[in-house]
C-alpha atoms as a PDB file:
ATOM      1  CA  UNK A   1     -52.369  20.573 -23.287  1.00  0.00           C
ATOM      2  CA  UNK A   2     -51.960  18.899 -19.872  1.00  0.00           C
ATOM      3  CA  UNK A   3     -49.598  16.402 -21.423  1.00  0.00           C
ATOM      4  CA  UNK A   4     -47.463  19.188 -22.865  1.00  0.00           C
ATOM      5  CA  UNK A   5     -47.221  20.841 -19.406  1.00  0.00           C
ATOM      6  CA  UNK A   6     -46.181  17.515 -17.936  1.00  0.00           C
ATOM      7  CA  UNK A   7     -43.394  17.003 -20.429  1.00  0.00           C
ATOM      8  CA  UNK A   8     -42.198  20.612 -19.911  1.00  0.00           C
ATOM      9  CA  UNK A   9     -42.099  20.058 -16.150  1.00  0.00           C
ATOM     10  CA  UNK A  10     -40.244  16.769 -16.552  1.00  0.00           C
ATOM     11  CA  UNK A  11     -37.345  18.427 -18.383  1.00  0.00           C
ATOM     12  CA  UNK A  12     -37.076  21.361 -16.014  1.00  0.00           C
ATOM     13  CA  UNK A  13     -37.238  19.575 -12.683  1.00  0.00           C
ATOM     14  CA  UNK A  14     -34.926  20.871  -9.942  1.00  0.00           C
ATOM     15  CA  UNK A  15     -31.572  19.044  -9.974  1.00  0.00           C
ATOM     16  CA  UNK A  16     -32.159  16.960  -6.788  1.00  0.00           C
ATOM     17  CA  UNK A  17     -35.417  15.315  -7.788  1.00  0.00           C
ATOM     18  CA  UNK A  18     -35.981  12.665 -10.430  1.00  0.00           C
ATOM     19  CA  UNK A  19     -32.565  12.228 -12.118  1.00  0.00           C
ATOM     20  CA  UNK A  20     -30.012  12.952  -9.425  1.00  0.00           C
ATOM     21  CA  UNK A  21     -31.510  11.559  -6.199  1.00  0.00           C
ATOM     22  CA  UNK A  22     -28.698  10.368  -3.863  1.00  0.00           C
ATOM     23  CA  UNK A  23     -28.041   6.635  -3.888  1.00  0.00           C
ATOM     24  CA  UNK A  24     -29.135   4.806  -0.739  1.00  0.00           C
ATOM     25  CA  UNK A  25     -26.291   3.026   1.109  1.00  0.00           C
ATOM     26  CA  UNK A  26     -28.442   2.531   4.222  1.00  0.00           C
ATOM     27  CA  UNK A  27     -28.413  -1.223   3.746  1.00  0.00           C
ATOM     28  CA  UNK A  28     -24.587  -1.291   3.906  1.00  0.00           C
ATOM     29  CA  UNK A  29     -24.678   0.755   7.096  1.00  0.00           C
ATOM     30  CA  UNK A  30     -27.188  -1.650   8.659  1.00  0.00           C
ATOM     31  CA  UNK A  31     -25.073  -4.614   7.505  1.00  0.00           C
ATOM     32  CA  UNK A  32     -21.985  -3.116   9.169  1.00  0.00           C
ATOM     33  CA  UNK A  33     -23.984  -2.704  12.396  1.00  0.00           C
ATOM     34  CA  UNK A  34     -24.944  -6.423  12.587  1.00  0.00           C
ATOM     35  CA  UNK A  35     -21.799  -7.831  10.928  1.00  0.00           C
ATOM     36  CA  UNK A  36     -19.064  -6.280  13.030  1.00  0.00           C
ATOM     37  CA  UNK A  37     -17.537  -6.304  16.494  1.00  0.00           C
ATOM     38  CA  UNK A  38     -16.247  -3.499  18.627  1.00  0.00           C
ATOM     39  CA  UNK A  39     -12.479  -3.468  19.065  1.00  0.00           C
ATOM     40  CA  UNK A  40     -11.388  -0.705  21.397  1.00  0.00           C
ATOM     41  CA  UNK A  41     -12.502   2.519  19.785  1.00  0.00           C
ATOM     42  CA  UNK A  42     -12.924   1.021  16.356  1.00  0.00           C
ATOM     43  CA  UNK A  43     -14.747  -1.786  14.591  1.00  0.00           C
ATOM     44  CA  UNK A  44     -13.892  -5.052  12.857  1.00  0.00           C
ATOM     45  CA  UNK A  45     -16.148  -6.218  10.057  1.00  0.00           C
ATOM     46  CA  UNK A  46     -17.120  -9.774   9.135  1.00  0.00           C
ATOM     47  CA  UNK A  47     -15.069 -11.447   6.372  1.00  0.00           C
ATOM     48  CA  UNK A  48     -16.158 -14.958   7.405  1.00  0.00           C
ATOM     49  CA  UNK A  49     -18.869 -16.375   9.591  1.00  0.00           C
ATOM     50  CA  UNK A  50     -16.429 -16.511  12.531  1.00  0.00           C
ATOM     51  CA  UNK A  51     -13.743 -13.928  11.704  1.00  0.00           C
ATOM     52  CA  UNK A  52     -13.494 -10.156  11.530  1.00  0.00           C
ATOM     53  CA  UNK A  53     -10.978  -7.847   9.892  1.00  0.00           C
ATOM     54  CA  UNK A  54      -9.775  -4.404  10.959  1.00  0.00           C
ATOM     55  CA  UNK A  55      -6.830  -2.008  10.539  1.00  0.00           C
ATOM     56  CA  UNK A  56      -4.554  -0.710  13.262  1.00  0.00           C
ATOM     57  CA  UNK A  57      -1.309   1.262  12.984  1.00  0.00           C
ATOM     58  CA  UNK A  58       0.244  -0.428  16.027  1.00  0.00           C
ATOM     59  CA  UNK A  59       0.301  -4.125  16.711  1.00  0.00           C
ATOM     60  CA  UNK A  60      -2.726  -4.999  18.918  1.00  0.00           C
ATOM     61  CA  UNK A  61      -2.168  -6.424  22.377  1.00  0.00           C
ATOM     62  CA  UNK A  62      -5.161  -8.739  22.294  1.00  0.00           C
ATOM     63  CA  UNK A  63      -5.595 -12.064  20.575  1.00  0.00           C
ATOM     64  CA  UNK A  64      -4.903 -11.676  16.872  1.00  0.00           C
ATOM     65  CA  UNK A  65      -4.919 -14.707  14.534  1.00  0.00           C
ATOM     66  CA  UNK A  66      -2.874 -12.939  11.892  1.00  0.00           C
ATOM     67  CA  UNK A  67      -1.418  -9.455  11.315  1.00  0.00           C
ATOM     68  CA  UNK A  68       0.110  -7.779   8.249  1.00  0.00           C
ATOM     69  CA  UNK A  69       2.936  -5.631   9.747  1.00  0.00           C
ATOM     70  CA  UNK A  70       3.333  -3.736   6.463  1.00  0.00           C
ATOM     71  CA  UNK A  71      -0.307  -2.671   5.957  1.00  0.00           C
ATOM     72  CA  UNK A  72      -1.667  -3.010   9.504  1.00  0.00           C
ATOM     73  CA  UNK A  73      -4.465  -5.497   8.739  1.00  0.00           C
ATOM     74  CA  UNK A  74      -5.620  -7.749  11.571  1.00  0.00           C
ATOM     75  CA  UNK A  75      -7.762 -10.917  11.588  1.00  0.00           C
ATOM     76  CA  UNK A  76      -9.577 -11.793  14.818  1.00  0.00           C
ATOM     77  CA  UNK A  77     -12.077 -14.437  15.788  1.00  0.00           C
ATOM     78  CA  UNK A  78     -15.556 -13.208  16.713  1.00  0.00           C
ATOM     79  CA  UNK A  79     -17.170 -14.183  20.012  1.00  0.00           C
ATOM     80  CA  UNK A  80     -20.154 -15.612  18.075  1.00  0.00           C
ATOM     81  CA  UNK A  81     -20.809 -16.418  14.410  1.00  0.00           C
ATOM     82  CA  UNK A  82     -21.965 -13.713  12.060  1.00  0.00           C
ATOM     83  CA  UNK A  83     -25.161 -14.151  10.061  1.00  0.00           C
ATOM     84  CA  UNK A  84     -23.905 -11.985   7.201  1.00  0.00           C
ATOM     85  CA  UNK A  85     -20.396 -11.337   5.858  1.00  0.00           C
ATOM     86  CA  UNK A  86     -18.815  -8.862   3.512  1.00  0.00           C
ATOM     87  CA  UNK A  87     -17.682 -10.390   0.234  1.00  0.00           C
ATOM     88  CA  UNK A  88     -15.461  -9.087  -2.551  1.00  0.00           C
ATOM     89  CA  UNK A  89     -16.629  -7.536  -5.773  1.00  0.00           C
ATOM     90  CA  UNK A  90     -15.479  -9.164  -8.996  1.00  0.00           C
ATOM     91  CA  UNK A  91     -15.932  -5.814 -10.801  1.00  0.00           C
ATOM     92  CA  UNK A  92     -15.751  -2.379  -9.222  1.00  0.00           C
ATOM     93  CA  UNK A  93     -19.156  -0.611  -9.051  1.00  0.00           C
ATOM     94  CA  UNK A  94     -19.488   2.999 -10.271  1.00  0.00           C
ATOM     95  CA  UNK A  95     -21.170   4.346  -7.141  1.00  0.00           C
ATOM     96  CA  UNK A  96     -19.179   4.103  -3.933  1.00  0.00           C
ATOM     97  CA  UNK A  97     -19.414   5.059  -0.304  1.00  0.00           C
ATOM     98  CA  UNK A  98     -17.296   4.770   2.812  1.00  0.00           C
ATOM     99  CA  UNK A  99     -19.472   3.014   5.398  1.00  0.00           C
ATOM    100  CA  UNK A 100     -19.367   2.721   9.180  1.00  0.00           C
ATOM    101  CA  UNK A 101     -22.092   1.517  11.543  1.00  0.00           C
ATOM    102  CA  UNK A 102     -23.178   5.099  12.225  1.00  0.00           C
ATOM    103  CA  UNK A 103     -21.955   7.007   9.142  1.00  0.00           C
ATOM    104  CA  UNK A 104     -22.025   6.855   5.328  1.00  0.00           C
ATOM    105  CA  UNK A 105     -19.974   9.110   3.061  1.00  0.00           C
ATOM    106  CA  UNK A 106     -20.557   8.874  -0.669  1.00  0.00           C
ATOM    107  CA  UNK A 107     -17.539   9.539  -2.851  1.00  0.00           C
ATOM    108  CA  UNK A 108     -15.066   7.889  -5.153  1.00  0.00           C
ATOM    109  CA  UNK A 109     -11.551   6.520  -5.229  1.00  0.00           C
ATOM    110  CA  UNK A 110      -9.385   9.163  -6.903  1.00  0.00           C
ATOM    111  CA  UNK A 111      -6.142   7.183  -6.967  1.00  0.00           C
ATOM    112  CA  UNK A 112      -5.248   3.473  -6.661  1.00  0.00           C
ATOM    113  CA  UNK A 113      -2.920   1.821  -4.216  1.00  0.00           C
ATOM    114  CA  UNK A 114       0.598   1.394  -5.644  1.00  0.00           C
ATOM    115  CA  UNK A 115       2.553  -1.125  -3.606  1.00  0.00           C
ATOM    116  CA  UNK A 116       2.979  -0.909   0.130  1.00  0.00           C
ATOM    117  CA  UNK A 117       4.135   2.740   0.347  1.00  0.00           C
ATOM    118  CA  UNK A 118       1.384   4.510  -1.597  1.00  0.00           C
ATOM    119  CA  UNK A 119      -2.165   3.810  -0.509  1.00  0.00           C
ATOM    120  CA  UNK A 120      -5.252   4.661  -2.491  1.00  0.00           C
ATOM    121  CA  UNK A 121      -7.128   7.908  -1.882  1.00  0.00           C
ATOM    122  CA  UNK A 122     -10.818   8.587  -1.388  1.00  0.00           C
ATOM    123  CA  UNK A 123     -12.476  11.783  -2.456  1.00  0.00           C
ATOM    124  CA  UNK A 124     -13.617  12.667   1.031  1.00  0.00           C
ATOM    125  CA  UNK A 125     -12.115  12.643   4.488  1.00  0.00           C
ATOM    126  CA  UNK A 126     -13.275   9.403   6.161  1.00  0.00           C
ATOM    127  CA  UNK A 127     -12.719   7.621   9.452  1.00  0.00           C
ATOM    128  CA  UNK A 128     -10.488   4.654  10.017  1.00  0.00           C
ATOM    129  CA  UNK A 129     -11.910   1.233   9.240  1.00  0.00           C
ATOM    130  CA  UNK A 130     -14.638   2.505   6.946  1.00  0.00           C
ATOM    131  CA  UNK A 131     -15.499  -0.078   4.305  1.00  0.00           C
ATOM    132  CA  UNK A 132     -15.336   1.259   0.777  1.00  0.00           C
ATOM    133  CA  UNK A 133     -18.231  -0.462  -1.070  1.00  0.00           C
ATOM    134  CA  UNK A 134     -20.956  -0.226  -3.618  1.00  0.00           C
ATOM    135  CA  UNK A 135     -24.690  -0.515  -2.969  1.00  0.00           C
ATOM    136  CA  UNK A 136     -24.345  -4.322  -2.893  1.00  0.00           C
ATOM    137  CA  UNK A 137     -22.110  -3.867   0.137  1.00  0.00           C
ATOM    138  CA  UNK A 138     -19.083  -5.743  -1.170  1.00  0.00           C
ATOM    139  CA  UNK A 139     -15.494  -4.913  -0.273  1.00  0.00           C
ATOM    140  CA  UNK A 140     -13.560  -2.436  -2.457  1.00  0.00           C
ATOM    141  CA  UNK A 141     -11.184  -1.352   0.257  1.00  0.00           C
ATOM    142  CA  UNK A 142     -10.674  -0.376   3.900  1.00  0.00           C
ATOM    143  CA  UNK A 143      -9.716   3.083   5.133  1.00  0.00           C
ATOM    144  CA  UNK A 144      -6.619   4.017   7.161  1.00  0.00           C
ATOM    145  CA  UNK A 145      -5.265   7.393   8.232  1.00  0.00           C
ATOM    146  CA  UNK A 146      -2.917   7.328   5.192  1.00  0.00           C
ATOM    147  CA  UNK A 147      -5.392   6.104   2.617  1.00  0.00           C
ATOM    148  CA  UNK A 148      -7.278   3.081   1.253  1.00  0.00           C
ATOM    149  CA  UNK A 149      -5.997  -0.506   1.345  1.00  0.00           C
ATOM    150  CA  UNK A 150      -7.206  -2.097  -1.893  1.00  0.00           C
ATOM    151  CA  UNK A 151      -9.371  -5.251  -1.922  1.00  0.00           C
ATOM    152  CA  UNK A 152      -6.535  -7.143  -3.722  1.00  0.00           C
ATOM    153  CA  UNK A 153      -4.270  -6.753  -0.688  1.00  0.00           C
ATOM    154  CA  UNK A 154      -7.107  -7.614   1.691  1.00  0.00           C
ATOM    155  CA  UNK A 155      -7.929 -10.784  -0.222  1.00  0.00           C
ATOM    156  CA  UNK A 156      -4.184 -11.693  -0.377  1.00  0.00           C
ATOM    157  CA  UNK A 157      -3.940 -11.250   3.362  1.00  0.00           C
ATOM    158  CA  UNK A 158      -6.975 -13.405   4.075  1.00  0.00           C
ATOM    159  CA  UNK A 159      -5.920 -16.180   1.691  1.00  0.00           C
ATOM    160  CA  UNK A 160      -2.214 -16.394   2.801  1.00  0.00           C
ATOM    161  CA  UNK A 161      -1.104 -18.615   5.645  1.00  0.00           C
ATOM    162  CA  UNK A 162       1.668 -16.207   6.476  1.00  0.00           C
ATOM    163  CA  UNK A 163       2.143 -12.560   5.509  1.00  0.00           C
ATOM    164  CA  UNK A 164       4.958 -12.566   2.939  1.00  0.00           C
ATOM    165  CA  UNK A 165       5.566 -10.152   0.113  1.00  0.00           C
ATOM    166  CA  UNK A 166       8.180 -10.463  -2.719  1.00  0.00           C
ATOM    167  CA  UNK A 167      10.658  -7.810  -3.791  1.00  0.00           C
ATOM    168  CA  UNK A 168      12.931  -7.053  -6.723  1.00  0.00           C
ATOM    169  CA  UNK A 169      14.361  -3.875  -5.300  1.00  0.00           C
ATOM    170  CA  UNK A 170      12.253  -1.339  -7.209  1.00  0.00           C
ATOM    171  CA  UNK A 171       9.369   1.030  -6.548  1.00  0.00           C
ATOM    172  CA  UNK A 172       7.001   2.066  -9.348  1.00  0.00           C
ATOM    173  CA  UNK A 173       4.853   4.962 -10.589  1.00  0.00           C
ATOM    174  CA  UNK A 174       2.906   5.929 -13.697  1.00  0.00           C
ATOM    175  CA  UNK A 175       4.898   8.465 -15.672  1.00  0.00           C
ATOM    176  CA  UNK A 176       4.182   8.065 -19.398  1.00  0.00           C
ATOM    177  CA  UNK A 177       3.927   4.371 -18.716  1.00  0.00           C
ATOM    178  CA  UNK A 178       4.903   2.314 -15.677  1.00  0.00           C
ATOM    179  CA  UNK A 179       8.402   3.381 -14.678  1.00  0.00           C
ATOM    180  CA  UNK A 180      10.981   2.552 -12.002  1.00  0.00           C
ATOM    181  CA  UNK A 181      11.091   5.636  -9.792  1.00  0.00           C
ATOM    182  CA  UNK A 182      13.237   4.117  -7.006  1.00  0.00           C
ATOM    183  CA  UNK A 183      15.808   1.273  -7.115  1.00  0.00           C
ATOM    184  CA  UNK A 184      17.724  -0.311  -4.330  1.00  0.00           C
ATOM    185  CA  UNK A 185      21.477  -0.351  -5.125  1.00  0.00           C
ATOM    186  CA  UNK A 186      22.138  -2.958  -2.500  1.00  0.00           C
ATOM    187  CA  UNK A 187      19.759  -5.476  -4.083  1.00  0.00           C
ATOM    188  CA  UNK A 188      22.011  -8.275  -5.396  1.00  0.00           C
ATOM    189  CA  UNK A 189      21.700  -9.168  -9.128  1.00  0.00           C
ATOM    190  CA  UNK A 190      18.990  -6.546  -9.717  1.00  0.00           C
ATOM    191  CA  UNK A 191      18.723  -5.854 -13.463  1.00  0.00           C
ATOM    192  CA  UNK A 192      16.728  -2.637 -13.092  1.00  0.00           C
ATOM    193  CA  UNK A 193      17.771   0.992 -13.253  1.00  0.00           C
ATOM    194  CA  UNK A 194      16.108   4.284 -12.554  1.00  0.00           C
ATOM    195  CA  UNK A 195      13.509   5.340 -15.173  1.00  0.00           C
ATOM    196  CA  UNK A 196      13.193   1.903 -16.804  1.00  0.00           C
ATOM    197  CA  UNK A 197       9.830   1.590 -18.577  1.00  0.00           C
ATOM    198  CA  UNK A 198       8.392  -1.828 -17.813  1.00  0.00           C
ATOM    199  CA  UNK A 199       6.328  -3.300 -20.619  1.00  0.00           C
ATOM    200  CA  UNK A 200       5.490  -6.760 -19.235  1.00  0.00           C
ATOM    201  CA  UNK A 201       6.134  -9.391 -16.585  1.00  0.00           C
ATOM    202  CA  UNK A 202       6.034 -13.041 -17.715  1.00  0.00           C
ATOM    203  CA  UNK A 203       4.273 -12.081 -20.949  1.00  0.00           C
ATOM    204  CA  UNK A 204       1.515 -10.258 -18.981  1.00  0.00           C
ATOM    205  CA  UNK A 205       1.334  -6.726 -20.339  1.00  0.00           C
ATOM    206  CA  UNK A 206       1.730  -3.993 -17.721  1.00  0.00           C
ATOM    207  CA  UNK A 207      -1.503  -2.071 -17.237  1.00  0.00           C
ATOM    208  CA  UNK A 208      -0.274   0.390 -14.647  1.00  0.00           C
ATOM    209  CA  UNK A 209       1.963   0.727 -11.565  1.00  0.00           C
ATOM    210  CA  UNK A 210      -0.810  -0.490  -9.239  1.00  0.00           C
ATOM    211  CA  UNK A 211      -1.297  -3.751 -11.152  1.00  0.00           C
ATOM    212  CA  UNK A 212       2.391  -4.467 -11.630  1.00  0.00           C
ATOM    213  CA  UNK A 213       3.190  -3.709  -7.957  1.00  0.00           C
ATOM    214  CA  UNK A 214       0.554  -6.274  -6.917  1.00  0.00           C
ATOM    215  CA  UNK A 215       2.001  -8.911  -9.313  1.00  0.00           C
ATOM    216  CA  UNK A 216       5.489  -8.359  -7.878  1.00  0.00           C
ATOM    217  CA  UNK A 217       4.435  -8.298  -4.213  1.00  0.00           C
ATOM    218  CA  UNK A 218       2.167 -11.384  -4.494  1.00  0.00           C
ATOM    219  CA  UNK A 219       4.845 -13.512  -6.198  1.00  0.00           C
ATOM    220  CA  UNK A 220       6.826 -16.100  -4.207  1.00  0.00           C
ATOM    221  CA  UNK A 221      10.243 -15.129  -2.851  1.00  0.00           C
ATOM    222  CA  UNK A 222      12.876 -17.212  -4.666  1.00  0.00           C
ATOM    223  CA  UNK A 223      10.888 -17.384  -7.882  1.00  0.00           C
ATOM    224  CA  UNK A 224      12.344 -16.175 -11.174  1.00  0.00           C
ATOM    225  CA  UNK A 225      10.396 -13.922 -13.597  1.00  0.00           C
ATOM    226  CA  UNK A 226      11.042 -12.390 -16.999  1.00  0.00           C
ATOM    227  CA  UNK A 227      10.510  -8.710 -17.716  1.00  0.00           C
ATOM    228  CA  UNK A 228      10.436  -6.737 -20.955  1.00  0.00           C
ATOM    229  CA  UNK A 229      11.387  -3.106 -20.533  1.00  0.00           C
ATOM    230  CA  UNK A 230      12.573  -0.075 -22.457  1.00  0.00           C
ATOM    231  CA  UNK A 231      15.806   1.636 -21.354  1.00  0.00           C
ATOM    232  CA  UNK A 232      17.165   4.639 -23.216  1.00  0.00           C
ATOM    233  CA  UNK A 233      15.024   3.799 -26.267  1.00  0.00           C
ATOM    234  CA  UNK A 234      16.058   0.119 -26.466  1.00  0.00           C
ATOM    235  CA  UNK A 235      13.837  -2.865 -25.656  1.00  0.00           C
ATOM    236  CA  UNK A 236      15.416  -5.348 -23.284  1.00  0.00           C
ATOM    237  CA  UNK A 237      14.331  -8.750 -21.927  1.00  0.00           C
ATOM    238  CA  UNK A 238      15.660  -9.433 -18.405  1.00  0.00           C
ATOM    239  CA  UNK A 239      15.240 -12.098 -15.710  1.00  0.00           C
ATOM    240  CA  UNK A 240      14.884 -11.235 -12.034  1.00  0.00           C
ATOM    241  CA  UNK A 241      14.995 -13.482  -8.977  1.00  0.00           C
ATOM    242  CA  UNK A 242      12.570 -12.295  -6.320  1.00  0.00           C
ATOM    243  CA  UNK A 243      13.514 -11.958  -2.676  1.00  0.00           C
ATOM    244  CA  UNK A 244      11.484 -11.490   0.474  1.00  0.00           C
ATOM    245  CA  UNK A 245      10.270  -7.961   1.087  1.00  0.00           C
ATOM    246  CA  UNK A 246      11.605  -6.565   4.357  1.00  0.00           C
ATOM    247  CA  UNK A 247      10.145  -3.085   4.535  1.00  0.00           C
ATOM    248  CA  UNK A 248       7.363  -0.829   3.262  1.00  0.00           C
ATOM    249  CA  UNK A 249       4.133   0.646   4.461  1.00  0.00           C
ATOM    250  CA  UNK A 250       4.192   0.726   8.310  1.00  0.00           C
ATOM    251  CA  UNK A 251       7.691  -0.793   8.288  1.00  0.00           C
ATOM    252  CA  UNK A 252       9.931   2.152   7.374  1.00  0.00           C
ATOM    253  CA  UNK A 253      11.371   1.688   3.904  1.00  0.00           C
ATOM    254  CA  UNK A 254      14.941   3.019   3.658  1.00  0.00           C
ATOM    255  CA  UNK A 255      16.638   0.328   1.491  1.00  0.00           C
ATOM    256  CA  UNK A 256      19.006  -0.268   4.448  1.00  0.00           C
ATOM    257  CA  UNK A 257      17.015  -3.226   5.768  1.00  0.00           C
ATOM    258  CA  UNK A 258      19.307  -5.641   3.912  1.00  0.00           C
ATOM    259  CA  UNK A 259      22.007  -4.602   6.423  1.00  0.00           C
ATOM    260  CA  UNK A 260      19.710  -4.843   9.467  1.00  0.00           C
ATOM    261  CA  UNK A 261      19.677  -1.082   9.814  1.00  0.00           C
ATOM    262  CA  UNK A 262      16.161  -0.016  10.841  1.00  0.00           C
ATOM    263  CA  UNK A 263      15.231   3.693  10.876  1.00  0.00           C
ATOM    264  CA  UNK A 264      11.992   5.375  11.914  1.00  0.00           C
ATOM    265  CA  UNK A 265      10.229   8.129  10.029  1.00  0.00           C
ATOM    266  CA  UNK A 266      12.501  10.714  11.621  1.00  0.00           C
ATOM    267  CA  UNK A 267      15.622   8.789  10.476  1.00  0.00           C
ATOM    268  CA  UNK A 268      16.507   7.756  13.976  1.00  0.00           C
ATOM    269  CA  UNK A 269      17.953   4.231  14.477  1.00  0.00           C
ATOM    270  CA  UNK A 270      15.351   1.974  16.129  1.00  0.00           C
ATOM    271  CA  UNK A 271      17.718  -0.757  17.522  1.00  0.00           C
ATOM    272  CA  UNK A 272      21.408  -1.416  18.001  1.00  0.00           C
ATOM    273  CA  UNK A 273      23.393  -2.890  15.094  1.00  0.00           C
ATOM    274  CA  UNK A 274      26.640  -4.215  16.486  1.00  0.00           C
ATOM    275  CA  UNK A 275      28.043  -5.231  13.121  1.00  0.00           C
ATOM    276  CA  UNK A 276      28.224  -1.619  12.000  1.00  0.00           C
ATOM    277  CA  UNK A 277      28.626  -0.076  15.468  1.00  0.00           C
ATOM    278  CA  UNK A 278      25.333   1.790  15.120  1.00  0.00           C
ATOM    279  CA  UNK A 279      23.280   2.332  18.261  1.00  0.00           C
ATOM    280  CA  UNK A 280      19.675   2.982  19.016  1.00  0.00           C
ATOM    281  CA  UNK A 281      18.791   6.724  18.862  1.00  0.00           C
ATOM    282  CA  UNK A 282      21.645   7.548  16.402  1.00  0.00           C
ATOM    283  CA  UNK A 283      20.319   9.938  13.723  1.00  0.00           C
ATOM    284  CA  UNK A 284      21.086   9.757  10.028  1.00  0.00           C
ATOM    285  CA  UNK A 285      22.093  13.128   8.588  1.00  0.00           C
ATOM    286  CA  UNK A 286      23.304  12.501   5.072  1.00  0.00           C
ATOM    287  CA  UNK A 287      23.852   9.879   2.362  1.00  0.00           C
ATOM    288  CA  UNK A 288      26.755  10.371  -0.057  1.00  0.00           C
ATOM    289  CA  UNK A 289      27.137  13.932   1.218  1.00  0.00           C
ATOM    290  CA  UNK A 290      23.508  14.790   0.496  1.00  0.00           C
ATOM    291  CA  UNK A 291      21.286  15.867   3.402  1.00  0.00           C
ATOM    292  CA  UNK A 292      18.326  13.610   4.013  1.00  0.00           C
ATOM    293  CA  UNK A 293      15.272  14.409   6.074  1.00  0.00           C
ATOM    294  CA  UNK A 294      12.788  11.712   5.068  1.00  0.00           C
ATOM    295  CA  UNK A 295      12.837   8.049   4.040  1.00  0.00           C
ATOM    296  CA  UNK A 296      11.886   9.168   0.569  1.00  0.00           C
ATOM    297  CA  UNK A 297      14.985  11.405   0.448  1.00  0.00           C
ATOM    298  CA  UNK A 298      17.135   8.359   1.296  1.00  0.00           C
ATOM    299  CA  UNK A 299      15.579   6.192  -1.415  1.00  0.00           C
ATOM    300  CA  UNK A 300      15.996   8.951  -3.991  1.00  0.00           C
ATOM    301  CA  UNK A 301      19.694   9.380  -3.238  1.00  0.00           C
ATOM    302  CA  UNK A 302      20.287   5.648  -3.260  1.00  0.00           C
ATOM    303  CA  UNK A 303      18.369   5.232  -6.541  1.00  0.00           C
ATOM    304  CA  UNK A 304      20.894   7.492  -8.252  1.00  0.00           C
ATOM    305  CA  UNK A 305      23.710   5.511  -6.708  1.00  0.00           C
ATOM    306  CA  UNK A 306      22.588   2.361  -8.524  1.00  0.00           C
ATOM    307  CA  UNK A 307      24.157   3.652 -11.726  1.00  0.00           C
ATOM    308  CA  UNK A 308      27.184   5.357 -10.221  1.00  0.00           C
ATOM    309  CA  UNK A 309      30.740   3.913 -10.239  1.00  0.00           C
ATOM    310  CA  UNK A 310      31.150   4.251  -6.462  1.00  0.00           C
ATOM    311  CA  UNK A 311      31.551   0.903  -4.759  1.00  0.00           C
ATOM    312  CA  UNK A 312      30.708   2.248  -1.280  1.00  0.00           C
ATOM    313  CA  UNK A 313      27.757   4.239   0.017  1.00  0.00           C
ATOM    314  CA  UNK A 314      28.768   6.661   2.756  1.00  0.00           C
ATOM    315  CA  UNK A 315      26.362   7.576   5.570  1.00  0.00           C
ATOM    316  CA  UNK A 316      26.815  10.328   8.169  1.00  0.00           C
ATOM    317  CA  UNK A 317      25.254   9.820  11.616  1.00  0.00           C
ATOM    318  CA  UNK A 318      25.055  11.898  14.789  1.00  0.00           C
ATOM    319  CA  UNK A 319      25.201  10.546  18.294  1.00  0.00           C
ATOM    320  CA  UNK A 320      24.936  12.902  21.239  1.00  0.00           C
ATOM    321  CA  UNK A 321      26.509  15.765  19.325  1.00  0.00           C
ATOM    322  CA  UNK A 322      29.247  13.549  17.767  1.00  0.00           C
ATOM    323  CA  UNK A 323      29.162  12.949  13.994  1.00  0.00           C
ATOM    324  CA  UNK A 324      30.626   9.807  12.417  1.00  0.00           C
ATOM    325  CA  UNK A 325      30.645   7.984   9.112  1.00  0.00           C
ATOM    326  CA  UNK A 326      29.854   4.389   8.191  1.00  0.00           C
ATOM    327  CA  UNK A 327      30.129   2.677   4.801  1.00  0.00           C
ATOM    328  CA  UNK A 328      27.998   0.105   3.039  1.00  0.00           C
ATOM    329  CA  UNK A 329      29.319  -1.866   0.093  1.00  0.00           C
ATOM    330  CA  UNK A 330      27.311  -2.180  -3.154  1.00  0.00           C
ATOM    331  CA  UNK A 331      27.169  -5.741  -4.650  1.00  0.00           C
END
C-alpha cells in the first residue's frame, strides 16, 4: 500500500519539483567572474590565456589589438594571464542562458544572425556583453543592444589577422527558401536579381540565409564562386566574383559606399565627397523620386532599380533649405 501511495505521489508532484527543476548555470557565472576583466562599465571575457573579448558600439579609446568595425567586437590583452578561458561549442546545447558575473538569465535563441545587418535574438532582455552559453560554459554568442553576435562570427574574428568580409552585392532572408531580398544595382558584374532563390554555393547546398550569409562573408575578396539558383521557375548556374564588403552592421549600409558616399542612420552625409559635390550634413530625401527615411528604404528602392532600364539613379538632397539632385551611373 505504501508503494502505491509513493507512485501516486510521484506522478502528481508540483511542477517545480522533480521533473522541471531549473538548470544551474552558477558555474558559468563564477567562471565569468574569474575569467574576465573590467573595461569601463562593461566586461571582457577570456578567449585565450592572455586575451579578452568584448563588444562596444563605438571604437574604444584604449589599447585594442583588433576591432571589427562592422560588428563592434574588440580584442584586448589582459593585465595578467587567465586560469580559465571560454571555448566554443561544436554543437549547440539545448539549454541556454545569458551570463554575466552578477547575473544569469535562462532563455533561448529565437532567431539566428543573418549577415551583418540582422543579429540573432534572445528570448529575454539581457545586458550588453552577456555570454550566451550552455551549462558547460562554452560560447554560443555575445549580446549587444541590437541582438546576439553568433559564435561563427566571433570565431572568424579571432582567427583572422585582419577584419575583412566579402560581398557579392546581395542581402538574404528565408522566404520559402533562401532568397535575395536586397541587391545592389551598382555592384559590377553581379548576376543576382531580387527574389532569386539560391540553391547552392560551390556545390554546398543552402541550408538557410544564416548559413549562406556566413559562407559569403567569410570568403576571400577576389575569389570566384559558383551558385545554383531558381529565377522565375528556371534553374540557373552562375559565377560571381567576390569583392570586399564596405558596409553593414555598425557601418551604415546604403549601397552608396562604392561611390564613397557615407550616410548615418538618419540619412545625413557623414563626410564631404568632393567628386559629387556632396558635403557633410547634407540630408538625403529621396531616391528615384521615392521618399526614403531609413537605410532599409534606400536598399529597397535600389533593389528594384537593379532590373529597371534606367541607366542613372537620381538622388535628391537638402542643404540648409536648398534642394538639389545628383546622379549615380549603374554599371
